[in-house]
N, C-alpha and C. Protein backbone atom coordinates (compact mmCIF):
# COMPACT_ATOMS: atom_id res chain seq x y z
N MET A 1 206.27 114.56 76.89
CA MET A 1 205.63 113.59 76.01
C MET A 1 206.22 112.21 76.23
N LYS A 2 207.55 112.15 76.40
CA LYS A 2 208.20 110.86 76.60
C LYS A 2 207.78 110.24 77.93
N ASP A 3 207.66 111.08 78.98
CA ASP A 3 207.26 110.55 80.29
C ASP A 3 205.84 110.00 80.25
N ALA A 4 204.97 110.67 79.53
CA ALA A 4 203.59 110.18 79.41
C ALA A 4 203.55 108.87 78.65
N SER A 5 204.39 108.73 77.63
CA SER A 5 204.44 107.47 76.87
C SER A 5 204.97 106.33 77.73
N ILE A 6 206.00 106.61 78.51
CA ILE A 6 206.54 105.58 79.40
C ILE A 6 205.50 105.18 80.43
N ARG A 7 204.78 106.16 80.97
CA ARG A 7 203.75 105.86 81.97
C ARG A 7 202.63 105.03 81.36
N SER A 8 202.19 105.41 80.16
CA SER A 8 201.11 104.64 79.53
C SER A 8 201.58 103.23 79.17
N MET A 9 202.84 103.07 78.78
CA MET A 9 203.36 101.74 78.46
C MET A 9 203.45 100.88 79.72
N ARG A 10 203.82 101.49 80.84
CA ARG A 10 203.86 100.74 82.10
C ARG A 10 202.47 100.30 82.52
N ILE A 11 201.49 101.15 82.30
CA ILE A 11 200.11 100.76 82.60
C ILE A 11 199.69 99.60 81.71
N LEU A 12 200.05 99.67 80.44
CA LEU A 12 199.75 98.56 79.52
C LEU A 12 200.44 97.27 79.97
N HIS A 13 201.70 97.38 80.42
CA HIS A 13 202.41 96.20 80.91
C HIS A 13 201.64 95.56 82.07
N VAL A 14 201.18 96.38 83.00
CA VAL A 14 200.45 95.87 84.17
C VAL A 14 199.14 95.22 83.73
N VAL A 15 198.44 95.84 82.80
CA VAL A 15 197.16 95.29 82.34
C VAL A 15 197.38 93.94 81.64
N PHE A 16 198.37 93.87 80.76
CA PHE A 16 198.63 92.61 80.07
C PHE A 16 199.09 91.53 81.04
N LEU A 17 199.94 91.89 82.00
CA LEU A 17 200.38 90.92 82.99
C LEU A 17 199.22 90.43 83.85
N ALA A 18 198.33 91.34 84.23
CA ALA A 18 197.16 90.95 85.00
C ALA A 18 196.26 90.01 84.19
N ALA A 19 196.14 90.26 82.91
CA ALA A 19 195.32 89.38 82.07
C ALA A 19 195.94 87.98 81.99
N ILE A 20 197.26 87.92 81.86
CA ILE A 20 197.93 86.61 81.81
C ILE A 20 197.75 85.87 83.13
N VAL A 21 197.88 86.57 84.24
CA VAL A 21 197.66 85.94 85.55
C VAL A 21 196.20 85.49 85.67
N GLY A 22 195.27 86.28 85.14
CA GLY A 22 193.87 85.88 85.14
C GLY A 22 193.62 84.62 84.33
N TYR A 23 194.28 84.52 83.17
CA TYR A 23 194.15 83.30 82.37
C TYR A 23 194.70 82.10 83.12
N LEU A 24 195.80 82.29 83.80
CA LEU A 24 196.38 81.20 84.60
C LEU A 24 195.41 80.77 85.69
N TYR A 25 194.80 81.73 86.35
CA TYR A 25 193.83 81.42 87.39
C TYR A 25 192.65 80.64 86.82
N VAL A 26 192.13 81.10 85.70
CA VAL A 26 190.98 80.43 85.07
C VAL A 26 191.36 79.00 84.68
N ALA A 27 192.54 78.85 84.08
CA ALA A 27 192.95 77.51 83.65
C ALA A 27 193.13 76.56 84.82
N GLU A 28 193.60 77.06 85.95
CA GLU A 28 193.83 76.19 87.11
C GLU A 28 192.57 75.94 87.92
N ARG A 29 191.68 76.91 88.02
CA ARG A 29 190.52 76.79 88.91
C ARG A 29 189.28 76.25 88.23
N ILE A 30 189.03 76.66 87.03
CA ILE A 30 187.78 76.33 86.38
C ILE A 30 187.79 74.91 85.81
N PHE A 31 188.86 74.57 85.14
CA PHE A 31 188.91 73.29 84.45
C PHE A 31 189.31 72.18 85.41
N VAL A 32 188.48 71.17 85.45
CA VAL A 32 188.79 70.01 86.28
C VAL A 32 189.79 69.14 85.53
N HIS A 33 190.48 68.34 86.28
CA HIS A 33 191.45 67.45 85.64
C HIS A 33 190.70 66.42 84.80
N THR A 34 191.10 66.32 83.59
CA THR A 34 190.45 65.40 82.67
C THR A 34 191.38 64.24 82.38
N LYS A 35 190.84 63.30 81.64
CA LYS A 35 191.70 62.17 81.28
C LYS A 35 192.79 62.65 80.33
N PRO A 36 193.90 61.95 80.28
CA PRO A 36 195.02 62.39 79.44
C PRO A 36 194.64 62.46 77.97
N VAL A 37 195.26 63.42 77.29
CA VAL A 37 195.04 63.58 75.85
C VAL A 37 196.24 63.01 75.12
N PRO A 38 196.10 62.72 73.86
CA PRO A 38 197.25 62.24 73.09
C PRO A 38 198.39 63.27 73.15
N ILE A 39 199.60 62.80 73.25
CA ILE A 39 200.76 63.66 73.45
C ILE A 39 200.96 64.64 72.29
N VAL A 40 200.43 64.32 71.13
CA VAL A 40 200.62 65.18 69.98
C VAL A 40 199.92 66.54 70.15
N ILE A 41 198.84 66.57 70.90
CA ILE A 41 198.08 67.81 71.09
C ILE A 41 198.88 68.82 71.91
N PRO A 42 199.38 68.48 73.12
CA PRO A 42 200.20 69.45 73.84
C PRO A 42 201.48 69.81 73.10
N GLU A 43 202.04 68.84 72.36
CA GLU A 43 203.24 69.15 71.57
C GLU A 43 202.93 70.17 70.48
N ALA A 44 201.77 70.06 69.86
CA ALA A 44 201.39 71.03 68.83
C ALA A 44 201.21 72.42 69.43
N PHE A 45 200.57 72.50 70.59
CA PHE A 45 200.41 73.78 71.26
C PHE A 45 201.78 74.35 71.66
N ALA A 46 202.67 73.50 72.12
CA ALA A 46 204.02 73.95 72.48
C ALA A 46 204.78 74.45 71.26
N LEU A 47 204.63 73.78 70.14
CA LEU A 47 205.29 74.20 68.91
C LEU A 47 204.78 75.56 68.45
N VAL A 48 203.48 75.75 68.49
CA VAL A 48 202.90 77.04 68.10
C VAL A 48 203.38 78.14 69.06
N SER A 49 203.40 77.85 70.35
CA SER A 49 203.86 78.84 71.31
C SER A 49 205.33 79.18 71.11
N ALA A 50 206.15 78.18 70.83
CA ALA A 50 207.57 78.44 70.60
C ALA A 50 207.76 79.28 69.33
N ALA A 51 206.98 79.01 68.30
CA ALA A 51 207.07 79.81 67.08
C ALA A 51 206.67 81.26 67.34
N VAL A 52 205.64 81.47 68.13
CA VAL A 52 205.21 82.84 68.45
C VAL A 52 206.29 83.55 69.26
N ILE A 53 206.94 82.84 70.19
CA ILE A 53 208.01 83.44 70.99
C ILE A 53 209.17 83.84 70.09
N ILE A 54 209.54 83.00 69.16
CA ILE A 54 210.63 83.33 68.23
C ILE A 54 210.26 84.54 67.38
N ILE A 55 209.04 84.56 66.88
CA ILE A 55 208.58 85.71 66.09
C ILE A 55 208.61 86.98 66.93
N ALA A 56 208.18 86.88 68.18
CA ALA A 56 208.18 88.05 69.07
C ALA A 56 209.60 88.56 69.30
N LEU A 57 210.54 87.64 69.51
CA LEU A 57 211.93 88.07 69.73
C LEU A 57 212.51 88.74 68.49
N VAL A 58 212.20 88.21 67.32
CA VAL A 58 212.70 88.82 66.08
C VAL A 58 212.11 90.21 65.88
N PHE A 59 210.79 90.33 66.05
CA PHE A 59 210.16 91.64 65.92
C PHE A 59 210.71 92.62 66.94
N ARG A 60 210.86 92.15 68.16
CA ARG A 60 211.36 93.03 69.22
C ARG A 60 212.77 93.52 68.90
N ARG A 61 213.62 92.62 68.43
CA ARG A 61 214.99 93.01 68.10
C ARG A 61 215.03 93.97 66.92
N ARG A 62 214.20 93.71 65.90
CA ARG A 62 214.21 94.56 64.71
C ARG A 62 213.57 95.93 64.94
N LEU A 63 212.53 95.97 65.74
CA LEU A 63 211.81 97.22 65.91
C LEU A 63 212.23 98.02 67.14
N LEU A 64 212.51 97.33 68.23
CA LEU A 64 212.75 98.04 69.48
C LEU A 64 214.16 98.61 69.58
N ALA A 65 215.16 97.86 69.18
CA ALA A 65 216.54 98.34 69.33
C ALA A 65 216.80 99.64 68.55
N PRO A 66 216.40 99.75 67.28
CA PRO A 66 216.61 101.03 66.59
C PRO A 66 215.84 102.19 67.22
N ALA A 67 214.65 101.91 67.72
CA ALA A 67 213.86 102.96 68.34
C ALA A 67 214.52 103.45 69.63
N ILE A 68 215.05 102.54 70.41
CA ILE A 68 215.73 102.93 71.65
C ILE A 68 216.97 103.75 71.34
N GLU A 69 217.74 103.34 70.34
CA GLU A 69 218.93 104.11 69.95
C GLU A 69 218.56 105.51 69.49
N ALA A 70 217.50 105.61 68.69
CA ALA A 70 217.07 106.93 68.21
C ALA A 70 216.60 107.80 69.37
N LEU A 71 215.92 107.19 70.34
CA LEU A 71 215.46 107.96 71.49
C LEU A 71 216.61 108.36 72.41
N ARG A 72 217.69 107.58 72.44
CA ARG A 72 218.86 107.98 73.23
C ARG A 72 219.52 109.22 72.64
N HIS A 73 219.54 109.30 71.31
CA HIS A 73 220.16 110.46 70.65
C HIS A 73 219.25 111.68 70.70
N ASP A 74 217.96 111.46 70.48
CA ASP A 74 217.01 112.57 70.48
C ASP A 74 215.73 112.10 71.16
N GLY A 75 215.54 112.52 72.39
CA GLY A 75 214.38 112.09 73.18
C GLY A 75 213.07 112.63 72.67
N LYS A 76 213.09 113.61 71.78
CA LYS A 76 211.86 114.21 71.26
C LYS A 76 211.46 113.67 69.88
N ASP A 77 212.16 112.65 69.40
CA ASP A 77 211.88 112.09 68.07
C ASP A 77 210.54 111.34 68.11
N ALA A 78 209.54 111.93 67.46
CA ALA A 78 208.18 111.37 67.49
C ALA A 78 208.10 110.05 66.74
N THR A 79 208.85 109.92 65.66
CA THR A 79 208.82 108.67 64.89
C THR A 79 209.41 107.52 65.70
N ALA A 80 210.53 107.78 66.36
CA ALA A 80 211.17 106.74 67.18
C ALA A 80 210.28 106.38 68.36
N LEU A 81 209.61 107.38 68.93
CA LEU A 81 208.71 107.11 70.05
C LEU A 81 207.53 106.25 69.61
N ALA A 82 206.99 106.54 68.44
CA ALA A 82 205.89 105.72 67.92
C ALA A 82 206.36 104.31 67.62
N GLN A 83 207.58 104.17 67.09
CA GLN A 83 208.12 102.84 66.81
C GLN A 83 208.38 102.09 68.11
N TRP A 84 208.88 102.78 69.14
CA TRP A 84 209.11 102.16 70.45
C TRP A 84 207.79 101.67 71.05
N ARG A 85 206.77 102.53 70.95
CA ARG A 85 205.45 102.18 71.50
C ARG A 85 204.85 100.98 70.76
N SER A 86 204.95 100.99 69.44
CA SER A 86 204.37 99.88 68.68
C SER A 86 205.15 98.58 68.89
N ALA A 87 206.47 98.66 69.05
CA ALA A 87 207.26 97.45 69.32
C ALA A 87 206.92 96.85 70.68
N ASN A 88 206.75 97.69 71.67
CA ASN A 88 206.36 97.20 72.99
C ASN A 88 204.96 96.60 72.97
N THR A 89 204.05 97.26 72.31
CA THR A 89 202.68 96.76 72.24
C THR A 89 202.62 95.43 71.50
N LEU A 90 203.35 95.32 70.39
CA LEU A 90 203.40 94.07 69.64
C LEU A 90 203.99 92.94 70.48
N SER A 91 205.03 93.23 71.25
CA SER A 91 205.62 92.21 72.12
C SER A 91 204.62 91.72 73.15
N MET A 92 203.87 92.66 73.73
CA MET A 92 202.88 92.27 74.73
C MET A 92 201.73 91.47 74.12
N ILE A 93 201.33 91.84 72.92
CA ILE A 93 200.26 91.11 72.25
C ILE A 93 200.70 89.68 71.94
N LEU A 94 201.93 89.52 71.47
CA LEU A 94 202.42 88.17 71.18
C LEU A 94 202.59 87.35 72.47
N ALA A 95 203.00 88.00 73.56
CA ALA A 95 203.06 87.29 74.84
C ALA A 95 201.67 86.85 75.29
N MET A 96 200.69 87.71 75.03
CA MET A 96 199.31 87.36 75.36
C MET A 96 198.84 86.18 74.53
N SER A 97 199.26 86.10 73.28
CA SER A 97 198.82 84.98 72.45
C SER A 97 199.42 83.66 72.94
N VAL A 98 200.63 83.70 73.49
CA VAL A 98 201.21 82.49 74.07
C VAL A 98 200.41 82.06 75.29
N SER A 99 200.02 83.02 76.12
CA SER A 99 199.22 82.66 77.29
C SER A 99 197.84 82.15 76.88
N LEU A 100 197.29 82.68 75.79
CA LEU A 100 196.01 82.16 75.30
C LEU A 100 196.15 80.75 74.76
N ASP A 101 197.31 80.41 74.21
CA ASP A 101 197.55 79.01 73.81
C ASP A 101 197.47 78.10 75.03
N GLY A 102 198.03 78.56 76.14
CA GLY A 102 197.97 77.78 77.37
C GLY A 102 196.56 77.63 77.89
N LEU A 103 195.73 78.64 77.67
CA LEU A 103 194.34 78.56 78.08
C LEU A 103 193.52 77.73 77.10
N ALA A 104 193.90 77.75 75.84
CA ALA A 104 193.14 77.03 74.82
C ALA A 104 193.28 75.52 74.94
N LEU A 105 194.42 75.06 75.45
CA LEU A 105 194.61 73.61 75.57
C LEU A 105 193.56 72.96 76.45
N PRO A 106 193.34 73.43 77.69
CA PRO A 106 192.26 72.81 78.48
C PRO A 106 190.88 73.01 77.86
N LEU A 107 190.66 74.16 77.22
CA LEU A 107 189.38 74.38 76.54
C LEU A 107 189.18 73.37 75.43
N TRP A 108 190.25 73.09 74.69
CA TRP A 108 190.17 72.12 73.61
C TRP A 108 189.84 70.74 74.14
N VAL A 109 190.45 70.37 75.25
CA VAL A 109 190.18 69.05 75.84
C VAL A 109 188.72 68.95 76.27
N VAL A 110 188.21 70.00 76.91
CA VAL A 110 186.81 70.00 77.35
C VAL A 110 185.87 69.96 76.14
N ALA A 111 186.21 70.70 75.09
CA ALA A 111 185.37 70.72 73.89
C ALA A 111 185.34 69.35 73.22
N VAL A 112 186.47 68.68 73.16
CA VAL A 112 186.51 67.35 72.54
C VAL A 112 185.70 66.36 73.36
N LYS A 113 185.79 66.45 74.70
CA LYS A 113 185.00 65.56 75.54
C LYS A 113 183.51 65.81 75.34
N SER A 114 183.12 67.09 75.27
CA SER A 114 181.71 67.43 75.09
C SER A 114 181.22 66.97 73.73
N PHE A 115 182.01 67.17 72.70
CA PHE A 115 181.64 66.73 71.36
C PHE A 115 181.48 65.22 71.32
N GLY A 116 182.35 64.51 72.04
CA GLY A 116 182.24 63.04 72.09
C GLY A 116 180.93 62.61 72.72
N ARG A 117 180.49 63.33 73.73
CA ARG A 117 179.22 63.00 74.37
C ARG A 117 178.05 63.22 73.43
N PHE A 118 178.08 64.37 72.71
CA PHE A 118 176.98 64.69 71.81
C PHE A 118 176.96 63.76 70.60
N SER A 119 178.12 63.41 70.09
CA SER A 119 178.13 62.56 68.90
C SER A 119 177.74 61.13 69.24
N SER A 120 177.92 60.72 70.50
CA SER A 120 177.53 59.36 70.86
C SER A 120 176.02 59.26 71.12
N CYS A 121 175.33 60.40 71.21
CA CYS A 121 173.88 60.40 71.45
C CYS A 121 173.09 60.16 70.19
N ARG A 122 173.72 60.26 69.03
CA ARG A 122 172.98 60.09 67.77
C ARG A 122 172.54 58.68 67.56
């Protein structure tokens, strides 16, 4: 049971990493370079991303460390295995949200430019 959980978690790691690399590709290839945005916008995205990273580290430390210790003592502990799985999944989801912040910044710039065009047509 433990080997199957480790295997499924490794598959999840690869899938999440591939998604992050895909977001990077989309952000670099699809979006053309636009005019500079006010510095407060990238700073706000950076602040949100830093907050998510801190939250992820706190959750990971609180949830993952006890689960690993419990699994070291008893590898068949189903509760510890479920806690280990959920801590890893939560960490990957929060990492994905940071990468989505990086993708949202160019989308936001494009959306603001498009909105400016439409609002000037009135």
